Amino acid sequence: MRHVTLAALALLASSAAQADGFIDLGVGAAWRDLDHNKPFDLDFDTGKVARIELGTLYESGLMLRGTYTYTTYDELTALGSVRIAEDVEQQEARFGIFRATQRGAPLGWRLGAGYDYVDEDPAMGGTSFQRGGYLEAAAVIETRRRVTLDFALALSKLGGEDNHDAEAGELRAMAAYHADAMDFTLGARYARIEREDFVDEQLFELRVGIGGLWAYPEGARY
């Protein structure tokens, strides 16, 4: 999966020569809340998140966007102290095609769909991955103080082996402060995941990052 992810991100980067490109690199923390804990009371410790997002926006309004998120948890415990697993890893890759307003508009929007791939935790079910599609709608607000606000709603439906299917809804918010050629970003994500034959959960992420643009007209932002 990592090879597919890197190839897709490289394709997005190479296509930026024909359009305005953007990148965002972020790190942060993640908290997972398992809904049906009893009788074992499974708990993850606070996770560490690393994320990269690449995209291009064409003059026609076509946007291509790819995101890779890697999260690791030091341990999974039961009954408050019994260690079930250590160094639990989780990976997610998304690739989407959107229609979007051009950068710089006071009030913009983004609407599209794409492919979602989630590499599941071995400690959480015995199946290696889930994959499927997602829909996304977003509102983008440009302020006069060099700040862009991005609010997004996404719905996804994923399929996995052994009846490990899932449906998820998530809300995302991002603020980007534009300081000349560099952007400083603050992002948050809340996701509610309902699985067909396993534990439902809620996920909250909080990230900080840096980003930038290339091959774009002076003053354009994302």
N, C-alpha and C. Protein backbone atom coordinates (compact mmCIF):
# COMPACT_ATOMS: atom_id res chain seq x y z
N MET A 1 0.83 -1.20 0.00
CA MET A 1 0.00 0.00 0.00
C MET A 1 0.87 1.25 0.00
N ARG A 2 2.01 1.19 0.69
CA ARG A 2 2.87 2.36 0.74
C ARG A 2 3.39 2.74 -0.64
N HIS A 3 3.69 1.73 -1.48
CA HIS A 3 4.16 2.02 -2.83
C HIS A 3 3.08 2.71 -3.64
N VAL A 4 1.83 2.25 -3.51
CA VAL A 4 0.71 2.88 -4.23
C VAL A 4 0.54 4.32 -3.76
N THR A 5 0.63 4.53 -2.44
CA THR A 5 0.47 5.88 -1.90
C THR A 5 1.53 6.82 -2.42
N LEU A 6 2.80 6.38 -2.37
CA LEU A 6 3.89 7.24 -2.82
C LEU A 6 3.79 7.54 -4.31
N ALA A 7 3.35 6.55 -5.10
CA ALA A 7 3.20 6.77 -6.54
C ALA A 7 2.10 7.79 -6.82
N ALA A 8 0.99 7.68 -6.10
CA ALA A 8 -0.11 8.62 -6.30
C ALA A 8 0.27 10.03 -5.89
N LEU A 9 0.98 10.17 -4.76
CA LEU A 9 1.42 11.50 -4.33
C LEU A 9 2.42 12.09 -5.31
N ALA A 10 3.30 11.25 -5.87
CA ALA A 10 4.24 11.74 -6.87
C ALA A 10 3.53 12.21 -8.13
N LEU A 11 2.46 11.51 -8.52
CA LEU A 11 1.68 11.92 -9.68
C LEU A 11 1.04 13.28 -9.45
N LEU A 12 0.51 13.48 -8.26
CA LEU A 12 -0.07 14.78 -7.93
C LEU A 12 0.98 15.88 -7.98
N ALA A 13 2.16 15.59 -7.47
CA ALA A 13 3.21 16.60 -7.46
C ALA A 13 3.66 16.94 -8.88
N SER A 14 3.78 15.93 -9.76
CA SER A 14 4.21 16.20 -11.12
C SER A 14 3.17 16.97 -11.92
N SER A 15 1.89 16.75 -11.61
CA SER A 15 0.83 17.46 -12.33
C SER A 15 0.76 18.92 -11.95
N ALA A 16 1.44 19.31 -10.85
CA ALA A 16 1.37 20.69 -10.40
C ALA A 16 2.03 21.65 -11.38
N ALA A 17 2.87 21.14 -12.31
CA ALA A 17 3.47 22.01 -13.31
C ALA A 17 2.41 22.62 -14.22
N GLN A 18 1.24 22.00 -14.30
CA GLN A 18 0.18 22.49 -15.15
C GLN A 18 -0.89 23.26 -14.38
N ALA A 19 -0.71 23.41 -13.07
CA ALA A 19 -1.75 24.03 -12.25
C ALA A 19 -1.12 24.54 -10.96
N ASP A 20 -1.93 25.19 -10.15
CA ASP A 20 -1.48 25.63 -8.84
C ASP A 20 -1.41 24.42 -7.91
N GLY A 21 -0.25 24.20 -7.29
CA GLY A 21 -0.09 23.07 -6.40
C GLY A 21 0.01 23.52 -4.96
N PHE A 22 -0.35 22.62 -4.03
CA PHE A 22 -0.21 22.93 -2.62
C PHE A 22 0.21 21.69 -1.85
N ILE A 23 0.86 21.92 -0.73
CA ILE A 23 1.32 20.84 0.14
C ILE A 23 1.11 21.26 1.57
N ASP A 24 0.79 20.28 2.44
CA ASP A 24 0.66 20.54 3.87
C ASP A 24 1.25 19.35 4.61
N LEU A 25 2.21 19.62 5.49
CA LEU A 25 2.84 18.60 6.31
C LEU A 25 2.46 18.86 7.76
N GLY A 26 1.90 17.87 8.43
CA GLY A 26 1.41 18.10 9.78
C GLY A 26 1.75 16.97 10.73
N VAL A 27 1.82 17.29 12.01
CA VAL A 27 1.99 16.31 13.08
C VAL A 27 1.01 16.67 14.19
N GLY A 28 0.65 15.67 14.98
CA GLY A 28 -0.30 15.97 16.05
C GLY A 28 -0.59 14.76 16.91
N ALA A 29 -1.77 14.77 17.52
CA ALA A 29 -2.19 13.73 18.44
C ALA A 29 -3.56 13.21 18.05
N ALA A 30 -3.85 11.96 18.43
CA ALA A 30 -5.13 11.33 18.13
C ALA A 30 -5.66 10.62 19.37
N TRP A 31 -6.98 10.67 19.54
CA TRP A 31 -7.64 10.00 20.66
C TRP A 31 -8.74 9.10 20.09
N ARG A 32 -8.72 7.82 20.47
CA ARG A 32 -9.71 6.85 20.00
C ARG A 32 -10.58 6.41 21.17
N ASP A 33 -11.88 6.44 20.94
CA ASP A 33 -12.85 6.04 21.96
C ASP A 33 -13.68 4.89 21.40
N LEU A 34 -13.52 3.69 21.95
CA LEU A 34 -14.27 2.52 21.52
C LEU A 34 -15.62 2.51 22.23
N ASP A 35 -16.69 2.43 21.44
CA ASP A 35 -18.04 2.59 21.99
C ASP A 35 -18.52 1.41 22.83
N HIS A 36 -18.15 0.21 22.41
CA HIS A 36 -18.68 -0.99 23.07
C HIS A 36 -17.54 -1.68 23.82
N ASN A 37 -17.10 -1.04 24.87
CA ASN A 37 -15.92 -1.53 25.59
C ASN A 37 -16.22 -2.75 26.48
N LYS A 38 -17.35 -2.77 27.11
CA LYS A 38 -17.63 -3.81 28.10
C LYS A 38 -17.69 -5.19 27.45
N PRO A 39 -17.25 -6.25 28.14
CA PRO A 39 -16.77 -6.25 29.54
C PRO A 39 -15.27 -6.00 29.67
N PHE A 40 -14.58 -5.71 28.56
CA PHE A 40 -13.12 -5.67 28.61
C PHE A 40 -12.56 -4.24 28.77
N ASP A 41 -13.36 -3.21 28.48
CA ASP A 41 -12.91 -1.83 28.62
C ASP A 41 -11.61 -1.59 27.88
N LEU A 42 -11.64 -1.80 26.57
CA LEU A 42 -10.45 -1.59 25.76
C LEU A 42 -10.17 -0.10 25.63
N ASP A 43 -8.89 0.26 25.75
CA ASP A 43 -8.49 1.66 25.67
C ASP A 43 -7.17 1.79 24.93
N PHE A 44 -7.09 2.80 24.05
CA PHE A 44 -5.83 3.18 23.43
C PHE A 44 -5.25 4.36 24.20
N ASP A 45 -3.91 4.41 24.26
CA ASP A 45 -3.31 5.62 24.78
C ASP A 45 -3.37 6.70 23.69
N THR A 46 -2.89 7.88 24.00
CA THR A 46 -2.90 8.96 23.01
C THR A 46 -1.98 8.63 21.85
N GLY A 47 -2.49 8.76 20.62
CA GLY A 47 -1.71 8.41 19.45
C GLY A 47 -0.90 9.58 18.92
N LYS A 48 0.11 9.24 18.15
CA LYS A 48 0.96 10.24 17.48
C LYS A 48 0.65 10.18 15.98
N VAL A 49 0.39 11.35 15.39
CA VAL A 49 -0.08 11.45 14.01
C VAL A 49 0.94 12.18 13.14
N ALA A 50 1.19 11.64 11.95
CA ALA A 50 1.96 12.33 10.92
C ALA A 50 1.12 12.32 9.64
N ARG A 51 1.07 13.46 8.95
CA ARG A 51 0.16 13.58 7.81
C ARG A 51 0.79 14.42 6.71
N ILE A 52 0.58 14.00 5.45
CA ILE A 52 1.00 14.78 4.30
C ILE A 52 -0.16 14.88 3.33
N GLU A 53 -0.37 16.07 2.80
CA GLU A 53 -1.42 16.29 1.80
C GLU A 53 -0.82 17.03 0.62
N LEU A 54 -1.10 16.55 -0.57
CA LEU A 54 -0.67 17.18 -1.81
C LEU A 54 -1.88 17.37 -2.71
N GLY A 55 -1.89 18.44 -3.48
CA GLY A 55 -3.00 18.65 -4.39
C GLY A 55 -2.67 19.65 -5.48
N THR A 56 -3.52 19.69 -6.48
CA THR A 56 -3.43 20.66 -7.57
C THR A 56 -4.82 21.20 -7.87
N LEU A 57 -4.85 22.47 -8.26
CA LEU A 57 -6.10 23.12 -8.63
C LEU A 57 -5.92 23.77 -10.00
N TYR A 58 -6.73 23.36 -10.98
CA TYR A 58 -6.65 23.87 -12.33
C TYR A 58 -7.57 25.07 -12.52
N GLU A 59 -7.28 25.85 -13.55
CA GLU A 59 -8.09 27.03 -13.82
C GLU A 59 -9.54 26.67 -14.09
N SER A 60 -9.80 25.47 -14.58
CA SER A 60 -11.17 25.03 -14.87
C SER A 60 -11.98 24.76 -13.60
N GLY A 61 -11.31 24.71 -12.43
CA GLY A 61 -12.00 24.37 -11.20
C GLY A 61 -11.81 22.92 -10.79
N LEU A 62 -11.12 22.12 -11.62
CA LEU A 62 -10.83 20.74 -11.27
C LEU A 62 -9.72 20.71 -10.22
N MET A 63 -9.96 19.97 -9.15
CA MET A 63 -8.95 19.79 -8.11
C MET A 63 -8.66 18.31 -7.91
N LEU A 64 -7.37 17.96 -7.85
CA LEU A 64 -6.91 16.62 -7.49
C LEU A 64 -6.24 16.73 -6.13
N ARG A 65 -6.52 15.76 -5.26
CA ARG A 65 -6.05 15.87 -3.89
C ARG A 65 -5.74 14.49 -3.33
N GLY A 66 -4.61 14.37 -2.65
CA GLY A 66 -4.24 13.11 -2.02
C GLY A 66 -3.72 13.34 -0.61
N THR A 67 -4.11 12.46 0.31
CA THR A 67 -3.72 12.59 1.72
C THR A 67 -3.27 11.24 2.26
N TYR A 68 -2.16 11.25 2.99
CA TYR A 68 -1.68 10.04 3.66
C TYR A 68 -1.50 10.36 5.14
N THR A 69 -2.12 9.56 6.01
CA THR A 69 -2.04 9.77 7.46
C THR A 69 -1.52 8.50 8.12
N TYR A 70 -0.51 8.68 8.96
CA TYR A 70 0.07 7.55 9.71
C TYR A 70 -0.07 7.85 11.20
N THR A 71 -0.67 6.90 11.94
CA THR A 71 -0.89 7.07 13.37
C THR A 71 -0.36 5.85 14.10
N THR A 72 0.33 6.09 15.20
CA THR A 72 0.83 4.99 16.02
C THR A 72 0.43 5.20 17.48
N TYR A 73 0.05 4.10 18.13
CA TYR A 73 -0.33 4.10 19.54
C TYR A 73 0.64 3.19 20.29
N ASP A 74 1.16 3.67 21.41
CA ASP A 74 2.14 2.88 22.16
C ASP A 74 1.56 1.58 22.67
N GLU A 75 0.27 1.62 23.09
CA GLU A 75 -0.29 0.38 23.60
C GLU A 75 -1.82 0.41 23.58
N LEU A 76 -2.38 -0.80 23.56
CA LEU A 76 -3.81 -1.03 23.72
C LEU A 76 -3.98 -1.86 24.98
N THR A 77 -4.82 -1.39 25.90
CA THR A 77 -4.99 -2.09 27.18
C THR A 77 -6.44 -2.49 27.39
N ALA A 78 -6.64 -3.44 28.28
CA ALA A 78 -7.98 -3.88 28.70
C ALA A 78 -8.05 -3.83 30.21
N LEU A 79 -9.26 -3.57 30.72
CA LEU A 79 -9.50 -3.53 32.15
C LEU A 79 -8.59 -2.53 32.86
N GLY A 80 -8.14 -1.50 32.10
CA GLY A 80 -7.36 -0.43 32.70
C GLY A 80 -5.87 -0.68 32.77
N SER A 81 -5.42 -1.94 32.79
CA SER A 81 -3.99 -2.19 32.98
C SER A 81 -3.44 -3.39 32.21
N VAL A 82 -4.30 -4.26 31.69
CA VAL A 82 -3.81 -5.45 30.98
C VAL A 82 -3.42 -5.06 29.55
N ARG A 83 -2.17 -5.23 29.22
CA ARG A 83 -1.67 -4.82 27.91
C ARG A 83 -2.05 -5.87 26.86
N ILE A 84 -2.79 -5.44 25.84
CA ILE A 84 -3.22 -6.32 24.76
C ILE A 84 -2.24 -6.27 23.59
N ALA A 85 -1.77 -5.08 23.25
CA ALA A 85 -0.86 -4.92 22.12
C ALA A 85 0.00 -3.69 22.33
N GLU A 86 1.16 -3.69 21.68
CA GLU A 86 2.08 -2.55 21.73
C GLU A 86 2.35 -2.05 20.31
N ASP A 87 2.69 -0.76 20.23
CA ASP A 87 3.08 -0.15 18.94
C ASP A 87 2.05 -0.45 17.85
N VAL A 88 0.80 -0.14 18.13
CA VAL A 88 -0.28 -0.36 17.17
C VAL A 88 -0.22 0.73 16.10
N GLU A 89 -0.20 0.32 14.84
CA GLU A 89 -0.08 1.26 13.72
C GLU A 89 -1.38 1.33 12.93
N GLN A 90 -1.65 2.48 12.37
CA GLN A 90 -2.83 2.68 11.53
C GLN A 90 -2.44 3.62 10.39
N GLN A 91 -2.83 3.25 9.17
CA GLN A 91 -2.52 4.06 8.00
C GLN A 91 -3.80 4.31 7.20
N GLU A 92 -3.90 5.51 6.63
CA GLU A 92 -5.03 5.83 5.77
C GLU A 92 -4.55 6.66 4.59
N ALA A 93 -4.99 6.29 3.41
CA ALA A 93 -4.66 7.03 2.19
C ALA A 93 -5.95 7.38 1.46
N ARG A 94 -6.06 8.64 1.05
CA ARG A 94 -7.24 9.11 0.32
C ARG A 94 -6.80 9.84 -0.95
N PHE A 95 -7.56 9.58 -2.02
CA PHE A 95 -7.33 10.26 -3.29
C PHE A 95 -8.68 10.72 -3.82
N GLY A 96 -8.80 12.00 -4.15
CA GLY A 96 -10.10 12.51 -4.56
C GLY A 96 -10.02 13.45 -5.76
N ILE A 97 -11.17 13.57 -6.44
CA ILE A 97 -11.36 14.50 -7.56
C ILE A 97 -12.50 15.43 -7.18
N PHE A 98 -12.28 16.74 -7.31
CA PHE A 98 -13.24 17.72 -6.83
C PHE A 98 -13.50 18.81 -7.87
N ARG A 99 -14.62 19.48 -7.70
CA ARG A 99 -14.85 20.79 -8.31
C ARG A 99 -14.70 21.81 -7.19
N ALA A 100 -13.96 22.87 -7.46
CA ALA A 100 -13.68 23.84 -6.40
C ALA A 100 -13.57 25.24 -6.97
N THR A 101 -13.86 26.21 -6.13
CA THR A 101 -13.68 27.61 -6.54
C THR A 101 -12.19 27.94 -6.52
N GLN A 102 -11.81 28.96 -7.26
CA GLN A 102 -10.42 29.37 -7.31
C GLN A 102 -9.99 30.00 -5.99
N ARG A 103 -8.72 29.93 -5.69
CA ARG A 103 -8.19 30.53 -4.48
C ARG A 103 -8.35 32.04 -4.53
N GLY A 104 -8.56 32.60 -3.35
CA GLY A 104 -8.69 34.05 -3.26
C GLY A 104 -10.12 34.53 -3.19
N ALA A 105 -11.10 33.66 -3.52
CA ALA A 105 -12.51 34.06 -3.41
C ALA A 105 -12.88 34.21 -1.94
N PRO A 106 -13.62 35.28 -1.57
CA PRO A 106 -13.98 35.47 -0.15
C PRO A 106 -14.74 34.28 0.44
N LEU A 107 -15.63 33.69 -0.35
CA LEU A 107 -16.38 32.51 0.09
C LEU A 107 -16.35 31.48 -1.02
N GLY A 108 -15.74 30.35 -0.76
CA GLY A 108 -15.60 29.32 -1.78
C GLY A 108 -16.17 27.99 -1.31
N TRP A 109 -16.06 27.00 -2.19
CA TRP A 109 -16.60 25.68 -1.88
C TRP A 109 -15.77 24.61 -2.59
N ARG A 110 -15.96 23.37 -2.14
CA ARG A 110 -15.30 22.21 -2.74
C ARG A 110 -16.26 21.04 -2.64
N LEU A 111 -16.41 20.30 -3.74
CA LEU A 111 -17.34 19.17 -3.77
C LEU A 111 -16.74 18.07 -4.64
N GLY A 112 -16.71 16.85 -4.09
CA GLY A 112 -16.14 15.77 -4.89
C GLY A 112 -16.24 14.42 -4.21
N ALA A 113 -15.52 13.46 -4.78
CA ALA A 113 -15.55 12.08 -4.29
C ALA A 113 -14.20 11.45 -4.56
N GLY A 114 -13.98 10.30 -3.90
CA GLY A 114 -12.69 9.65 -4.11
C GLY A 114 -12.62 8.26 -3.51
N TYR A 115 -11.39 7.79 -3.38
CA TYR A 115 -11.07 6.44 -2.92
C TYR A 115 -10.39 6.53 -1.56
N ASP A 116 -10.80 5.66 -0.64
CA ASP A 116 -10.28 5.67 0.72
C ASP A 116 -9.74 4.28 1.05
N TYR A 117 -8.51 4.23 1.55
CA TYR A 117 -7.87 2.96 1.93
C TYR A 117 -7.40 3.07 3.37
N VAL A 118 -7.85 2.15 4.22
CA VAL A 118 -7.47 2.16 5.63
C VAL A 118 -6.82 0.83 5.97
N ASP A 119 -5.60 0.88 6.48
CA ASP A 119 -4.89 -0.31 6.94
C ASP A 119 -5.22 -0.49 8.41
N GLU A 120 -5.95 -1.54 8.72
CA GLU A 120 -6.47 -1.75 10.07
C GLU A 120 -5.39 -2.23 11.04
N ASP A 121 -5.65 -2.03 12.33
CA ASP A 121 -4.76 -2.51 13.38
C ASP A 121 -4.88 -4.03 13.48
N PRO A 122 -3.79 -4.77 13.45
CA PRO A 122 -3.91 -6.22 13.66
C PRO A 122 -4.55 -6.59 14.98
N ALA A 123 -4.33 -5.75 16.02
CA ALA A 123 -4.89 -6.06 17.33
C ALA A 123 -6.39 -5.87 17.39
N MET A 124 -6.96 -5.23 16.35
CA MET A 124 -8.37 -4.87 16.42
C MET A 124 -9.26 -5.70 15.51
N GLY A 125 -8.77 -6.84 14.98
CA GLY A 125 -9.74 -7.61 14.25
C GLY A 125 -9.26 -8.67 13.29
N GLY A 126 -7.99 -8.76 12.96
CA GLY A 126 -7.49 -9.85 12.15
C GLY A 126 -7.64 -9.68 10.66
N THR A 127 -8.12 -8.54 10.19
CA THR A 127 -8.17 -8.28 8.76
C THR A 127 -7.26 -7.11 8.45
N SER A 128 -6.59 -7.14 7.32
CA SER A 128 -5.48 -6.21 7.10
C SER A 128 -5.90 -4.84 6.60
N PHE A 129 -7.05 -4.74 5.90
CA PHE A 129 -7.37 -3.44 5.34
C PHE A 129 -8.86 -3.31 5.08
N GLN A 130 -9.26 -2.05 4.88
CA GLN A 130 -10.59 -1.71 4.39
C GLN A 130 -10.41 -0.72 3.25
N ARG A 131 -11.33 -0.76 2.28
CA ARG A 131 -11.23 0.18 1.18
C ARG A 131 -12.62 0.45 0.63
N GLY A 132 -12.78 1.64 0.04
CA GLY A 132 -14.08 2.01 -0.49
C GLY A 132 -14.07 3.44 -0.99
N GLY A 133 -15.25 4.03 -1.05
CA GLY A 133 -15.36 5.38 -1.58
C GLY A 133 -15.84 6.37 -0.54
N TYR A 134 -15.66 7.66 -0.85
CA TYR A 134 -16.13 8.69 0.05
C TYR A 134 -16.63 9.89 -0.75
N LEU A 135 -17.52 10.65 -0.16
CA LEU A 135 -18.03 11.90 -0.69
C LEU A 135 -17.62 13.03 0.26
N GLU A 136 -17.32 14.19 -0.31
CA GLU A 136 -16.88 15.30 0.54
C GLU A 136 -17.45 16.62 0.02
N ALA A 137 -17.89 17.45 0.96
CA ALA A 137 -18.33 18.81 0.65
C ALA A 137 -17.66 19.75 1.65
N ALA A 138 -17.25 20.93 1.17
CA ALA A 138 -16.52 21.84 2.05
C ALA A 138 -16.86 23.28 1.72
N ALA A 139 -16.75 24.12 2.74
CA ALA A 139 -16.86 25.57 2.59
C ALA A 139 -15.51 26.18 2.94
N VAL A 140 -15.07 27.14 2.13
CA VAL A 140 -13.76 27.77 2.32
C VAL A 140 -13.98 29.27 2.46
N ILE A 141 -13.44 29.84 3.54
CA ILE A 141 -13.62 31.26 3.83
C ILE A 141 -12.26 31.94 3.83
N GLU A 142 -12.11 32.99 3.04
CA GLU A 142 -10.89 33.81 3.03
C GLU A 142 -11.15 35.07 3.86
N THR A 143 -10.31 35.30 4.84
CA THR A 143 -10.45 36.50 5.65
C THR A 143 -9.47 37.56 5.19
N ARG A 144 -9.62 38.77 5.71
CA ARG A 144 -8.74 39.87 5.34
C ARG A 144 -7.45 39.87 6.13
N ARG A 145 -7.31 38.98 7.07
CA ARG A 145 -6.13 38.94 7.91
C ARG A 145 -5.21 37.77 7.54
N ARG A 146 -5.12 37.47 6.26
CA ARG A 146 -4.19 36.45 5.75
C ARG A 146 -4.49 35.07 6.33
N VAL A 147 -5.78 34.79 6.59
CA VAL A 147 -6.17 33.51 7.15
C VAL A 147 -7.24 32.87 6.28
N THR A 148 -7.08 31.59 5.99
CA THR A 148 -8.09 30.81 5.28
C THR A 148 -8.68 29.78 6.24
N LEU A 149 -10.01 29.68 6.26
CA LEU A 149 -10.72 28.70 7.07
C LEU A 149 -11.38 27.68 6.14
N ASP A 150 -11.22 26.41 6.44
CA ASP A 150 -11.75 25.33 5.61
C ASP A 150 -12.55 24.39 6.50
N PHE A 151 -13.85 24.22 6.20
CA PHE A 151 -14.73 23.33 6.96
C PHE A 151 -15.28 22.27 6.01
N ALA A 152 -15.08 20.99 6.35
CA ALA A 152 -15.45 19.90 5.44
C ALA A 152 -16.27 18.84 6.16
N LEU A 153 -17.18 18.23 5.40
CA LEU A 153 -17.97 17.08 5.83
C LEU A 153 -17.73 15.96 4.84
N ALA A 154 -17.39 14.78 5.35
CA ALA A 154 -17.12 13.63 4.48
C ALA A 154 -17.87 12.40 4.98
N LEU A 155 -18.38 11.61 4.03
CA LEU A 155 -19.06 10.35 4.33
C LEU A 155 -18.38 9.25 3.52
N SER A 156 -18.08 8.14 4.17
CA SER A 156 -17.40 7.06 3.46
C SER A 156 -18.05 5.72 3.77
N LYS A 157 -17.92 4.80 2.83
CA LYS A 157 -18.41 3.43 2.98
C LYS A 157 -17.28 2.51 2.58
N LEU A 158 -16.83 1.68 3.52
CA LEU A 158 -15.66 0.85 3.31
C LEU A 158 -16.03 -0.62 3.41
N GLY A 159 -15.36 -1.42 2.62
CA GLY A 159 -15.55 -2.86 2.66
C GLY A 159 -14.27 -3.56 3.08
N GLY A 160 -14.41 -4.63 3.87
CA GLY A 160 -13.26 -5.40 4.30
C GLY A 160 -13.58 -6.88 4.35
N GLU A 161 -12.57 -7.68 4.58
CA GLU A 161 -12.76 -9.12 4.66
C GLU A 161 -13.45 -9.51 5.97
N ASP A 162 -14.07 -10.68 5.96
CA ASP A 162 -14.68 -11.26 7.17
C ASP A 162 -15.74 -10.33 7.77
N ASN A 163 -16.61 -9.76 6.93
CA ASN A 163 -17.69 -8.88 7.40
C ASN A 163 -17.18 -7.70 8.21
N HIS A 164 -16.03 -7.18 7.79
CA HIS A 164 -15.42 -6.06 8.50
C HIS A 164 -15.77 -4.74 7.83
N ASP A 165 -16.95 -4.68 7.22
CA ASP A 165 -17.38 -3.45 6.54
C ASP A 165 -17.61 -2.34 7.56
N ALA A 166 -17.56 -1.09 7.06
CA ALA A 166 -17.74 0.04 7.96
C ALA A 166 -18.32 1.22 7.20
N GLU A 167 -19.03 2.05 7.93
CA GLU A 167 -19.49 3.34 7.43
C GLU A 167 -18.99 4.41 8.37
N ALA A 168 -18.58 5.56 7.81
CA ALA A 168 -17.99 6.61 8.64
C ALA A 168 -18.47 7.97 8.18
N GLY A 169 -18.63 8.85 9.15
CA GLY A 169 -18.90 10.25 8.88
C GLY A 169 -17.89 11.09 9.64
N GLU A 170 -17.40 12.13 9.03
CA GLU A 170 -16.40 12.94 9.72
C GLU A 170 -16.56 14.42 9.42
N LEU A 171 -16.13 15.21 10.38
CA LEU A 171 -16.08 16.66 10.26
C LEU A 171 -14.62 17.10 10.38
N ARG A 172 -14.20 18.01 9.52
CA ARG A 172 -12.84 18.52 9.58
C ARG A 172 -12.85 20.04 9.56
N ALA A 173 -11.89 20.62 10.22
CA ALA A 173 -11.74 22.07 10.21
C ALA A 173 -10.25 22.39 10.12
N MET A 174 -9.91 23.40 9.34
CA MET A 174 -8.53 23.81 9.22
C MET A 174 -8.44 25.32 9.12
N ALA A 175 -7.45 25.88 9.78
CA ALA A 175 -7.13 27.30 9.66
C ALA A 175 -5.70 27.40 9.16
N ALA A 176 -5.48 28.22 8.12
CA ALA A 176 -4.15 28.41 7.56
C ALA A 176 -3.80 29.89 7.60
N TYR A 177 -2.67 30.20 8.23
CA TYR A 177 -2.17 31.57 8.27
C TYR A 177 -1.09 31.71 7.22
N HIS A 178 -1.25 32.65 6.30
CA HIS A 178 -0.36 32.81 5.16
C HIS A 178 0.73 33.83 5.49
N ALA A 179 1.95 33.35 5.62
CA ALA A 179 3.09 34.21 5.91
C ALA A 179 4.03 34.16 4.71
N ASP A 180 3.80 35.05 3.76
CA ASP A 180 4.61 35.09 2.53
C ASP A 180 4.52 33.75 1.81
N ALA A 181 5.67 33.07 1.62
CA ALA A 181 5.67 31.82 0.83
C ALA A 181 5.30 30.61 1.66
N MET A 182 5.12 30.76 2.97
CA MET A 182 4.85 29.62 3.84
C MET A 182 3.51 29.80 4.55
N ASP A 183 2.82 28.69 4.75
CA ASP A 183 1.57 28.68 5.51
C ASP A 183 1.76 27.89 6.80
N PHE A 184 1.17 28.40 7.86
CA PHE A 184 1.14 27.68 9.13
C PHE A 184 -0.31 27.23 9.36
N THR A 185 -0.49 25.94 9.61
CA THR A 185 -1.84 25.37 9.65
C THR A 185 -2.15 24.76 11.00
N LEU A 186 -3.43 24.80 11.34
CA LEU A 186 -3.98 24.14 12.52
C LEU A 186 -5.21 23.38 12.08
N GLY A 187 -5.22 22.07 12.28
CA GLY A 187 -6.32 21.25 11.79
C GLY A 187 -6.90 20.34 12.85
N ALA A 188 -8.19 20.04 12.72
CA ALA A 188 -8.87 19.13 13.63
C ALA A 188 -9.78 18.22 12.82
N ARG A 189 -9.96 17.01 13.31
CA ARG A 189 -10.80 16.02 12.63
C ARG A 189 -11.56 15.21 13.66
N TYR A 190 -12.86 15.07 13.46
CA TYR A 190 -13.69 14.20 14.29
C TYR A 190 -14.36 13.18 13.37
N ALA A 191 -14.24 11.90 13.69
CA ALA A 191 -14.84 10.84 12.87
C ALA A 191 -15.62 9.88 13.74
N ARG A 192 -16.77 9.47 13.24
CA ARG A 192 -17.61 8.45 13.88
C ARG A 192 -17.64 7.25 12.93
N ILE A 193 -17.16 6.09 13.39
CA ILE A 193 -17.01 4.90 12.56
C ILE A 193 -17.92 3.81 13.09
N GLU A 194 -18.83 3.31 12.24
CA GLU A 194 -19.73 2.24 12.62
C GLU A 194 -19.40 1.01 11.78
N ARG A 195 -19.03 -0.07 12.44
CA ARG A 195 -18.62 -1.30 11.76
C ARG A 195 -19.76 -2.31 11.78
N GLU A 196 -19.83 -3.12 10.73
CA GLU A 196 -20.92 -4.09 10.59
C GLU A 196 -20.81 -5.21 11.61
N ASP A 197 -19.59 -5.69 11.86
CA ASP A 197 -19.45 -6.87 12.71
C ASP A 197 -18.28 -6.70 13.68
N PHE A 198 -18.14 -5.46 14.20
CA PHE A 198 -17.04 -5.25 15.14
C PHE A 198 -17.31 -3.99 15.96
N VAL A 199 -16.31 -3.52 16.67
CA VAL A 199 -16.47 -2.40 17.60
C VAL A 199 -16.62 -1.08 16.85
N ASP A 200 -17.64 -0.31 17.21
CA ASP A 200 -17.76 1.06 16.71
C ASP A 200 -16.80 1.96 17.49
N GLU A 201 -16.44 3.09 16.89
CA GLU A 201 -15.52 3.96 17.60
C GLU A 201 -15.67 5.41 17.15
N GLN A 202 -15.10 6.29 17.95
CA GLN A 202 -14.99 7.70 17.63
C GLN A 202 -13.52 8.07 17.65
N LEU A 203 -13.15 8.98 16.74
CA LEU A 203 -11.76 9.39 16.60
C LEU A 203 -11.68 10.90 16.57
N PHE A 204 -10.73 11.46 17.31
CA PHE A 204 -10.49 12.90 17.27
C PHE A 204 -9.00 13.15 17.07
N GLU A 205 -8.68 14.00 16.10
CA GLU A 205 -7.29 14.36 15.82
C GLU A 205 -7.13 15.87 15.94
N LEU A 206 -5.95 16.27 16.38
CA LEU A 206 -5.57 17.68 16.42
C LEU A 206 -4.14 17.78 15.90
N ARG A 207 -3.93 18.67 14.89
CA ARG A 207 -2.63 18.73 14.23
C ARG A 207 -2.17 20.18 14.05
N VAL A 208 -0.86 20.35 13.98
CA VAL A 208 -0.25 21.60 13.53
C VAL A 208 0.64 21.25 12.34
N GLY A 209 0.84 22.21 11.45
CA GLY A 209 1.65 21.91 10.28
C GLY A 209 2.16 23.14 9.57
N ILE A 210 2.93 22.89 8.53
CA ILE A 210 3.41 23.94 7.64
C ILE A 210 3.08 23.53 6.22
N GLY A 211 2.83 24.50 5.38
CA GLY A 211 2.49 24.20 3.99
C GLY A 211 2.97 25.30 3.07
N GLY A 212 2.66 25.14 1.81
CA GLY A 212 3.06 26.13 0.83
C GLY A 212 2.44 25.86 -0.52
N LEU A 213 2.67 26.77 -1.44
CA LEU A 213 2.17 26.68 -2.80
C LEU A 213 3.33 26.77 -3.77
N TRP A 214 3.09 26.30 -4.99
CA TRP A 214 4.08 26.52 -6.04
C TRP A 214 3.34 26.67 -7.36
N ALA A 215 4.00 27.33 -8.31
CA ALA A 215 3.43 27.59 -9.65
C ALA A 215 2.07 28.25 -9.53
N TYR A 216 1.98 29.34 -8.76
CA TYR A 216 0.71 30.02 -8.57
C TYR A 216 0.91 31.51 -8.74
N PRO A 217 -0.15 32.22 -9.17
CA PRO A 217 -0.05 33.67 -9.33
C PRO A 217 0.19 34.33 -7.98
N GLU A 218 0.87 35.47 -7.97
CA GLU A 218 1.17 36.17 -6.74
C GLU A 218 -0.13 36.53 -6.01
N GLY A 219 -0.15 36.21 -4.71
CA GLY A 219 -1.32 36.55 -3.90
C GLY A 219 -2.35 35.44 -3.83
N ALA A 220 -2.21 34.37 -4.64
CA ALA A 220 -3.20 33.29 -4.60
C ALA A 220 -3.00 32.46 -3.35
N ARG A 221 -4.08 31.98 -2.77
CA ARG A 221 -4.03 31.19 -1.55
C ARG A 221 -4.93 29.97 -1.70
N TYR A 222 -4.82 29.05 -0.73
CA TYR A 222 -5.72 27.91 -0.70
C TYR A 222 -6.32 27.77 0.68
